[in-house]
Structure formats: C-alpha cells, structure tokens
Amino acid sequence: MTQTADYATPTETRSGGISIEAKLFAGIALFLALVVTATVIWGPVGLAMSALACVPFCYAGILLITVGK
C-alpha cells in the first residue's frame, strides 16, 4: 500500500498577507502600549480614562454574546 501525503509544494505560497489573528494581536499590543504610556505619564487618571474609553466596546461585546453571535 502506498499512501501519499498531502504536503504543500514550495511553489504554493500564501498570498493573503497578514492574517486576521496577527492584526488582532498587533492591535491589542498597541492598545496596551498606549494604556501603559498613559498610566506612566498621567498616573491613575490615564488608567481611568482608558477604562472609560473601553466601556462602549465591552457593552457591544456583551450584547453580541447575549444575541449569540
């Protein structure tokens, strides 16, 4: 019995660019860097303003979970 493996040949390359996961992780890293910078510069006030800016996104996430999407 001969089994053939389903491997990609060197000529087959991915041409999609940066994946959505990589973009998401880069965005999260950038956001965290901005929050840390604001906290270092302005202290607790910078941290509180960052948390306040996140409220609409958290609310939207909770609504999406509730709806089931």
PDB file of N, CA and C in Angstrom:
ATOM      1  N   MET A   1       0.821  -1.165   0.000  1.00  0.00           N
ATOM      2  CA  MET A   1       0.000   0.000   0.000  1.00  0.00           C
ATOM      3  C   MET A   1       0.879   1.246   0.000  1.00  0.00           C
ATOM      4  N   THR A   2       0.552   2.124  -0.858  1.00  0.00           N
ATOM      5  CA  THR A   2       1.293   3.382  -0.919  1.00  0.00           C
ATOM      6  C   THR A   2       0.368   4.521  -0.544  1.00  0.00           C
ATOM      7  N   GLN A   3       0.774   5.256   0.441  1.00  0.00           N
ATOM      8  CA  GLN A   3      -0.016   6.411   0.854  1.00  0.00           C
ATOM      9  C   GLN A   3       0.719   7.680   0.439  1.00  0.00           C
ATOM     10  N   THR A   4      -0.028   8.603  -0.085  1.00  0.00           N
ATOM     11  CA  THR A   4       0.584   9.872  -0.472  1.00  0.00           C
ATOM     12  C   THR A   4       0.203  10.929   0.552  1.00  0.00           C
ATOM     13  N   ALA A   5       1.180  11.684   0.943  1.00  0.00           N
ATOM     14  CA  ALA A   5       0.927  12.755   1.917  1.00  0.00           C
ATOM     15  C   ALA A   5       0.454  13.998   1.182  1.00  0.00           C
ATOM     16  N   ASP A   6      -0.318  14.779   1.854  1.00  0.00           N
ATOM     17  CA  ASP A   6      -0.873  15.983   1.259  1.00  0.00           C
ATOM     18  C   ASP A   6      -0.073  17.196   1.748  1.00  0.00           C
ATOM     19  N   TYR A   7       1.137  17.333   1.209  1.00  0.00           N
ATOM     20  CA  TYR A   7       2.007  18.427   1.618  1.00  0.00           C
ATOM     21  C   TYR A   7       1.987  19.529   0.567  1.00  0.00           C
ATOM     22  N   ALA A   8       2.217  20.745   1.016  1.00  0.00           N
ATOM     23  CA  ALA A   8       2.286  21.872   0.083  1.00  0.00           C
ATOM     24  C   ALA A   8       3.670  21.891  -0.565  1.00  0.00           C
ATOM     25  N   THR A   9       3.681  22.107  -1.840  1.00  0.00           N
ATOM     26  CA  THR A   9       4.953  22.204  -2.555  1.00  0.00           C
ATOM     27  C   THR A   9       5.548  23.588  -2.334  1.00  0.00           C
ATOM     28  N   PRO A  10       6.844  23.744  -2.526  1.00  0.00           N
ATOM     29  CA  PRO A  10       7.471  25.055  -2.307  1.00  0.00           C
ATOM     30  C   PRO A  10       6.907  26.159  -3.206  1.00  0.00           C
ATOM     31  N   THR A  11       6.310  25.795  -4.326  1.00  0.00           N
ATOM     32  CA  THR A  11       5.780  26.827  -5.211  1.00  0.00           C
ATOM     33  C   THR A  11       4.432  27.356  -4.732  1.00  0.00           C
ATOM     34  N   GLU A  12       3.771  26.617  -3.818  1.00  0.00           N
ATOM     35  CA  GLU A  12       2.492  27.065  -3.292  1.00  0.00           C
ATOM     36  C   GLU A  12       2.739  27.929  -2.056  1.00  0.00           C
ATOM     37  N   THR A  13       2.492  29.216  -2.192  1.00  0.00           N
ATOM     38  CA  THR A  13       2.694  30.115  -1.071  1.00  0.00           C
ATOM     39  C   THR A  13       1.396  30.829  -0.747  1.00  0.00           C
ATOM     40  N   ARG A  14       1.315  31.299   0.445  1.00  0.00           N
ATOM     41  CA  ARG A  14       0.131  32.026   0.884  1.00  0.00           C
ATOM     42  C   ARG A  14       0.260  33.463   0.401  1.00  0.00           C
ATOM     43  N   SER A  15      -0.762  33.954  -0.281  1.00  0.00           N
ATOM     44  CA  SER A  15      -0.695  35.310  -0.816  1.00  0.00           C
ATOM     45  C   SER A  15      -1.724  36.220  -0.156  1.00  0.00           C
ATOM     46  N   GLY A  16      -2.238  35.834   0.987  1.00  0.00           N
ATOM     47  CA  GLY A  16      -3.273  36.602   1.648  1.00  0.00           C
ATOM     48  C   GLY A  16      -2.746  37.767   2.459  1.00  0.00           C
ATOM     49  N   GLY A  17      -1.450  37.866   2.679  1.00  0.00           N
ATOM     50  CA  GLY A  17      -0.915  38.929   3.509  1.00  0.00           C
ATOM     51  C   GLY A  17      -0.968  38.558   4.973  1.00  0.00           C
ATOM     52  N   ILE A  18      -1.141  39.563   5.813  1.00  0.00           N
ATOM     53  CA  ILE A  18      -1.175  39.354   7.259  1.00  0.00           C
ATOM     54  C   ILE A  18      -2.526  38.771   7.654  1.00  0.00           C
ATOM     55  N   SER A  19      -2.501  37.757   8.486  1.00  0.00           N
ATOM     56  CA  SER A  19      -3.745  37.107   8.900  1.00  0.00           C
ATOM     57  C   SER A  19      -4.524  38.002   9.860  1.00  0.00           C
ATOM     58  N   ILE A  20      -5.785  37.710  10.018  1.00  0.00           N
ATOM     59  CA  ILE A  20      -6.645  38.497  10.904  1.00  0.00           C
ATOM     60  C   ILE A  20      -6.208  38.345  12.352  1.00  0.00           C
ATOM     61  N   GLU A  21      -5.685  37.167  12.723  1.00  0.00           N
ATOM     62  CA  GLU A  21      -5.210  36.964  14.083  1.00  0.00           C
ATOM     63  C   GLU A  21      -4.001  37.836  14.376  1.00  0.00           C
ATOM     64  N   ALA A  22      -3.096  37.951  13.404  1.00  0.00           N
ATOM     65  CA  ALA A  22      -1.911  38.784  13.586  1.00  0.00           C
ATOM     66  C   ALA A  22      -2.299  40.254  13.715  1.00  0.00           C
ATOM     67  N   LYS A  23      -3.288  40.687  12.938  1.00  0.00           N
ATOM     68  CA  LYS A  23      -3.756  42.069  13.039  1.00  0.00           C
ATOM     69  C   LYS A  23      -4.405  42.322  14.398  1.00  0.00           C
ATOM     70  N   LEU A  24      -5.172  41.342  14.871  1.00  0.00           N
ATOM     71  CA  LEU A  24      -5.828  41.468  16.166  1.00  0.00           C
ATOM     72  C   LEU A  24      -4.807  41.556  17.295  1.00  0.00           C
ATOM     73  N   PHE A  25      -3.800  40.679  17.276  1.00  0.00           N
ATOM     74  CA  PHE A  25      -2.775  40.701  18.314  1.00  0.00           C
ATOM     75  C   PHE A  25      -1.954  41.985  18.260  1.00  0.00           C
ATOM     76  N   ALA A  26      -1.680  42.486  17.069  1.00  0.00           N
ATOM     77  CA  ALA A  26      -0.943  43.749  16.938  1.00  0.00           C
ATOM     78  C   ALA A  26      -1.761  44.908  17.477  1.00  0.00           C
ATOM     79  N   GLY A  27      -3.061  44.895  17.224  1.00  0.00           N
ATOM     80  CA  GLY A  27      -3.926  45.941  17.755  1.00  0.00           C
ATOM     81  C   GLY A  27      -3.994  45.917  19.267  1.00  0.00           C
ATOM     82  N   ILE A  28      -4.085  44.721  19.838  1.00  0.00           N
ATOM     83  CA  ILE A  28      -4.115  44.591  21.296  1.00  0.00           C
ATOM     84  C   ILE A  28      -2.796  45.051  21.904  1.00  0.00           C
ATOM     85  N   ALA A  29      -1.682  44.686  21.275  1.00  0.00           N
ATOM     86  CA  ALA A  29      -0.370  45.111  21.774  1.00  0.00           C
ATOM     87  C   ALA A  29      -0.227  46.634  21.706  1.00  0.00           C
ATOM     88  N   LEU A  30      -0.714  47.234  20.627  1.00  0.00           N
ATOM     89  CA  LEU A  30      -0.661  48.697  20.506  1.00  0.00           C
ATOM     90  C   LEU A  30      -1.529  49.366  21.564  1.00  0.00           C
ATOM     91  N   PHE A  31      -2.730  48.847  21.778  1.00  0.00           N
ATOM     92  CA  PHE A  31      -3.620  49.402  22.798  1.00  0.00           C
ATOM     93  C   PHE A  31      -2.986  49.307  24.183  1.00  0.00           C
ATOM     94  N   LEU A  32      -2.415  48.156  24.515  1.00  0.00           N
ATOM     95  CA  LEU A  32      -1.782  48.000  25.823  1.00  0.00           C
ATOM     96  C   LEU A  32      -0.593  48.933  25.986  1.00  0.00           C
ATOM     97  N   ALA A  33       0.169  49.136  24.914  1.00  0.00           N
ATOM     98  CA  ALA A  33       1.296  50.071  24.976  1.00  0.00           C
ATOM     99  C   ALA A  33       0.802  51.494  25.229  1.00  0.00           C
ATOM    100  N   LEU A  34      -0.310  51.860  24.597  1.00  0.00           N
ATOM    101  CA  LEU A  34      -0.874  53.195  24.823  1.00  0.00           C
ATOM    102  C   LEU A  34      -1.394  53.358  26.245  1.00  0.00           C
ATOM    103  N   VAL A  35      -2.032  52.322  26.785  1.00  0.00           N
ATOM    104  CA  VAL A  35      -2.542  52.382  28.157  1.00  0.00           C
ATOM    105  C   VAL A  35      -1.388  52.483  29.149  1.00  0.00           C
ATOM    106  N   VAL A  36      -0.350  51.718  28.935  1.00  0.00           N
ATOM    107  CA  VAL A  36       0.811  51.778  29.829  1.00  0.00           C
ATOM    108  C   VAL A  36       1.462  53.154  29.752  1.00  0.00           C
ATOM    109  N   THR A  37       1.593  53.691  28.550  1.00  0.00           N
ATOM    110  CA  THR A  37       2.184  55.021  28.390  1.00  0.00           C
ATOM    111  C   THR A  37       1.340  56.085  29.084  1.00  0.00           C
ATOM    112  N   ALA A  38       0.017  56.025  28.915  1.00  0.00           N
ATOM    113  CA  ALA A  38      -0.862  56.993  29.568  1.00  0.00           C
ATOM    114  C   ALA A  38      -0.788  56.865  31.084  1.00  0.00           C
ATOM    115  N   THR A  39      -0.676  55.636  31.583  1.00  0.00           N
ATOM    116  CA  THR A  39      -0.604  55.426  33.024  1.00  0.00           C
ATOM    117  C   THR A  39       0.713  55.954  33.587  1.00  0.00           C
ATOM    118  N   VAL A  40       1.793  55.767  32.842  1.00  0.00           N
ATOM    119  CA  VAL A  40       3.088  56.264  33.305  1.00  0.00           C
ATOM    120  C   VAL A  40       3.113  57.793  33.298  1.00  0.00           C
ATOM    121  N   ILE A  41       2.526  58.395  32.267  1.00  0.00           N
ATOM    122  CA  ILE A  41       2.559  59.858  32.156  1.00  0.00           C
ATOM    123  C   ILE A  41       1.590  60.509  33.137  1.00  0.00           C
ATOM    124  N   TRP A  42       0.335  60.082  33.165  1.00  0.00           N
ATOM    125  CA  TRP A  42      -0.698  60.757  33.945  1.00  0.00           C
ATOM    126  C   TRP A  42      -1.138  60.002  35.192  1.00  0.00           C
ATOM    127  N   GLY A  43      -0.616  58.835  35.434  1.00  0.00           N
ATOM    128  CA  GLY A  43      -0.945  58.087  36.634  1.00  0.00           C
ATOM    129  C   GLY A  43      -2.318  57.452  36.566  1.00  0.00           C
ATOM    130  N   PRO A  44      -2.997  57.376  37.696  1.00  0.00           N
ATOM    131  CA  PRO A  44      -4.310  56.718  37.749  1.00  0.00           C
ATOM    132  C   PRO A  44      -5.362  57.378  36.856  1.00  0.00           C
ATOM    133  N   VAL A  45      -5.213  58.679  36.605  1.00  0.00           N
ATOM    134  CA  VAL A  45      -6.181  59.357  35.746  1.00  0.00           C
ATOM    135  C   VAL A  45      -6.097  58.815  34.324  1.00  0.00           C
ATOM    136  N   GLY A  46      -4.902  58.573  33.820  1.00  0.00           N
ATOM    137  CA  GLY A  46      -4.739  57.989  32.485  1.00  0.00           C
ATOM    138  C   GLY A  46      -5.310  56.587  32.410  1.00  0.00           C
ATOM    139  N   LEU A  47      -5.143  55.819  33.470  1.00  0.00           N
ATOM    140  CA  LEU A  47      -5.703  54.470  33.513  1.00  0.00           C
ATOM    141  C   LEU A  47      -7.226  54.515  33.552  1.00  0.00           C
ATOM    142  N   ALA A  48      -7.777  55.448  34.318  1.00  0.00           N
ATOM    143  CA  ALA A  48      -9.232  55.570  34.407  1.00  0.00           C
ATOM    144  C   ALA A  48      -9.836  56.010  33.079  1.00  0.00           C
ATOM    145  N   MET A  49      -9.189  56.925  32.384  1.00  0.00           N
ATOM    146  CA  MET A  49      -9.707  57.381  31.089  1.00  0.00           C
ATOM    147  C   MET A  49      -9.632  56.262  30.048  1.00  0.00           C
ATOM    148  N   SER A  50      -8.620  55.425  30.132  1.00  0.00           N
ATOM    149  CA  SER A  50      -8.525  54.272  29.224  1.00  0.00           C
ATOM    150  C   SER A  50      -9.654  53.280  29.489  1.00  0.00           C
ATOM    151  N   ALA A  51      -9.939  53.052  30.764  1.00  0.00           N
ATOM    152  CA  ALA A  51     -11.035  52.149  31.114  1.00  0.00           C
ATOM    153  C   ALA A  51     -12.375  52.729  30.683  1.00  0.00           C
ATOM    154  N   LEU A  52     -12.544  54.031  30.822  1.00  0.00           N
ATOM    155  CA  LEU A  52     -13.772  54.683  30.405  1.00  0.00           C
ATOM    156  C   LEU A  52     -13.966  54.588  28.895  1.00  0.00           C
ATOM    157  N   ALA A  53     -12.875  54.677  28.139  1.00  0.00           N
ATOM    158  CA  ALA A  53     -12.961  54.564  26.679  1.00  0.00           C
ATOM    159  C   ALA A  53     -13.331  53.143  26.245  1.00  0.00           C
ATOM    160  N   CYS A  54     -13.069  52.143  27.087  1.00  0.00           N
ATOM    161  CA  CYS A  54     -13.364  50.751  26.745  1.00  0.00           C
ATOM    162  C   CYS A  54     -14.812  50.358  27.009  1.00  0.00           C
ATOM    163  N   VAL A  55     -15.560  51.174  27.721  1.00  0.00           N
ATOM    164  CA  VAL A  55     -16.932  50.820  28.108  1.00  0.00           C
ATOM    165  C   VAL A  55     -17.820  50.510  26.902  1.00  0.00           C
ATOM    166  N   PRO A  56     -17.849  51.338  25.838  1.00  0.00           N
ATOM    167  CA  PRO A  56     -18.721  51.006  24.703  1.00  0.00           C
ATOM    168  C   PRO A  56     -18.351  49.681  24.018  1.00  0.00           C
ATOM    169  N   PHE A  57     -17.060  49.370  23.953  1.00  0.00           N
ATOM    170  CA  PHE A  57     -16.633  48.127  23.324  1.00  0.00           C
ATOM    171  C   PHE A  57     -17.036  46.922  24.166  1.00  0.00           C
ATOM    172  N   CYS A  58     -16.915  47.040  25.483  1.00  0.00           N
ATOM    173  CA  CYS A  58     -17.345  45.954  26.361  1.00  0.00           C
ATOM    174  C   CYS A  58     -18.854  45.762  26.288  1.00  0.00           C
ATOM    175  N   TYR A  59     -19.583  46.861  26.231  1.00  0.00           N
ATOM    176  CA  TYR A  59     -21.034  46.788  26.124  1.00  0.00           C
ATOM    177  C   TYR A  59     -21.440  46.098  24.828  1.00  0.00           C
ATOM    178  N   ALA A  60     -20.788  46.460  23.720  1.00  0.00           N
ATOM    179  CA  ALA A  60     -21.086  45.824  22.435  1.00  0.00           C
ATOM    180  C   ALA A  60     -20.747  44.331  22.479  1.00  0.00           C
ATOM    181  N   GLY A  61     -19.634  43.982  23.128  1.00  0.00           N
ATOM    182  CA  GLY A  61     -19.271  42.571  23.248  1.00  0.00           C
ATOM    183  C   GLY A  61     -20.273  41.780  24.052  1.00  0.00           C
ATOM    184  N   ILE A  62     -20.779  42.365  25.132  1.00  0.00           N
ATOM    185  CA  ILE A  62     -21.790  41.700  25.949  1.00  0.00           C
ATOM    186  C   ILE A  62     -23.074  41.504  25.154  1.00  0.00           C
ATOM    187  N   LEU A  63     -23.452  42.520  24.380  1.00  0.00           N
ATOM    188  CA  LEU A  63     -24.659  42.390  23.551  1.00  0.00           C
ATOM    189  C   LEU A  63     -24.489  41.304  22.484  1.00  0.00           C
ATOM    190  N   LEU A  64     -23.303  41.217  21.874  1.00  0.00           N
ATOM    191  CA  LEU A  64     -23.070  40.171  20.863  1.00  0.00           C
ATOM    192  C   LEU A  64     -23.125  38.782  21.494  1.00  0.00           C
ATOM    193  N   ILE A  65     -22.592  38.646  22.704  1.00  0.00           N
ATOM    194  CA  ILE A  65     -22.653  37.348  23.380  1.00  0.00           C
ATOM    195  C   ILE A  65     -24.106  36.998  23.710  1.00  0.00           C
ATOM    196  N   THR A  66     -24.873  37.997  24.139  1.00  0.00           N
ATOM    197  CA  THR A  66     -26.267  37.757  24.507  1.00  0.00           C
ATOM    198  C   THR A  66     -27.092  37.327  23.309  1.00  0.00           C
ATOM    199  N   VAL A  67     -26.856  37.963  22.168  1.00  0.00           N
ATOM    200  CA  VAL A  67     -27.585  37.645  20.955  1.00  0.00           C
ATOM    201  C   VAL A  67     -27.168  36.280  20.407  1.00  0.00           C
ATOM    202  N   GLY A  68     -25.916  35.910  20.657  1.00  0.00           N
ATOM    203  CA  GLY A  68     -25.441  34.608  20.211  1.00  0.00           C
ATOM    204  C   GLY A  68     -24.585  34.651  18.964  1.00  0.00           C
ATOM    205  N   LYS A  69     -23.972  35.765  18.708  1.00  0.00           N
ATOM    206  CA  LYS A  69     -23.096  35.880  17.519  1.00  0.00           C
ATOM    207  C   LYS A  69     -21.656  35.803  17.903  1.00  0.00           C
TER     208      LYS A  69
END
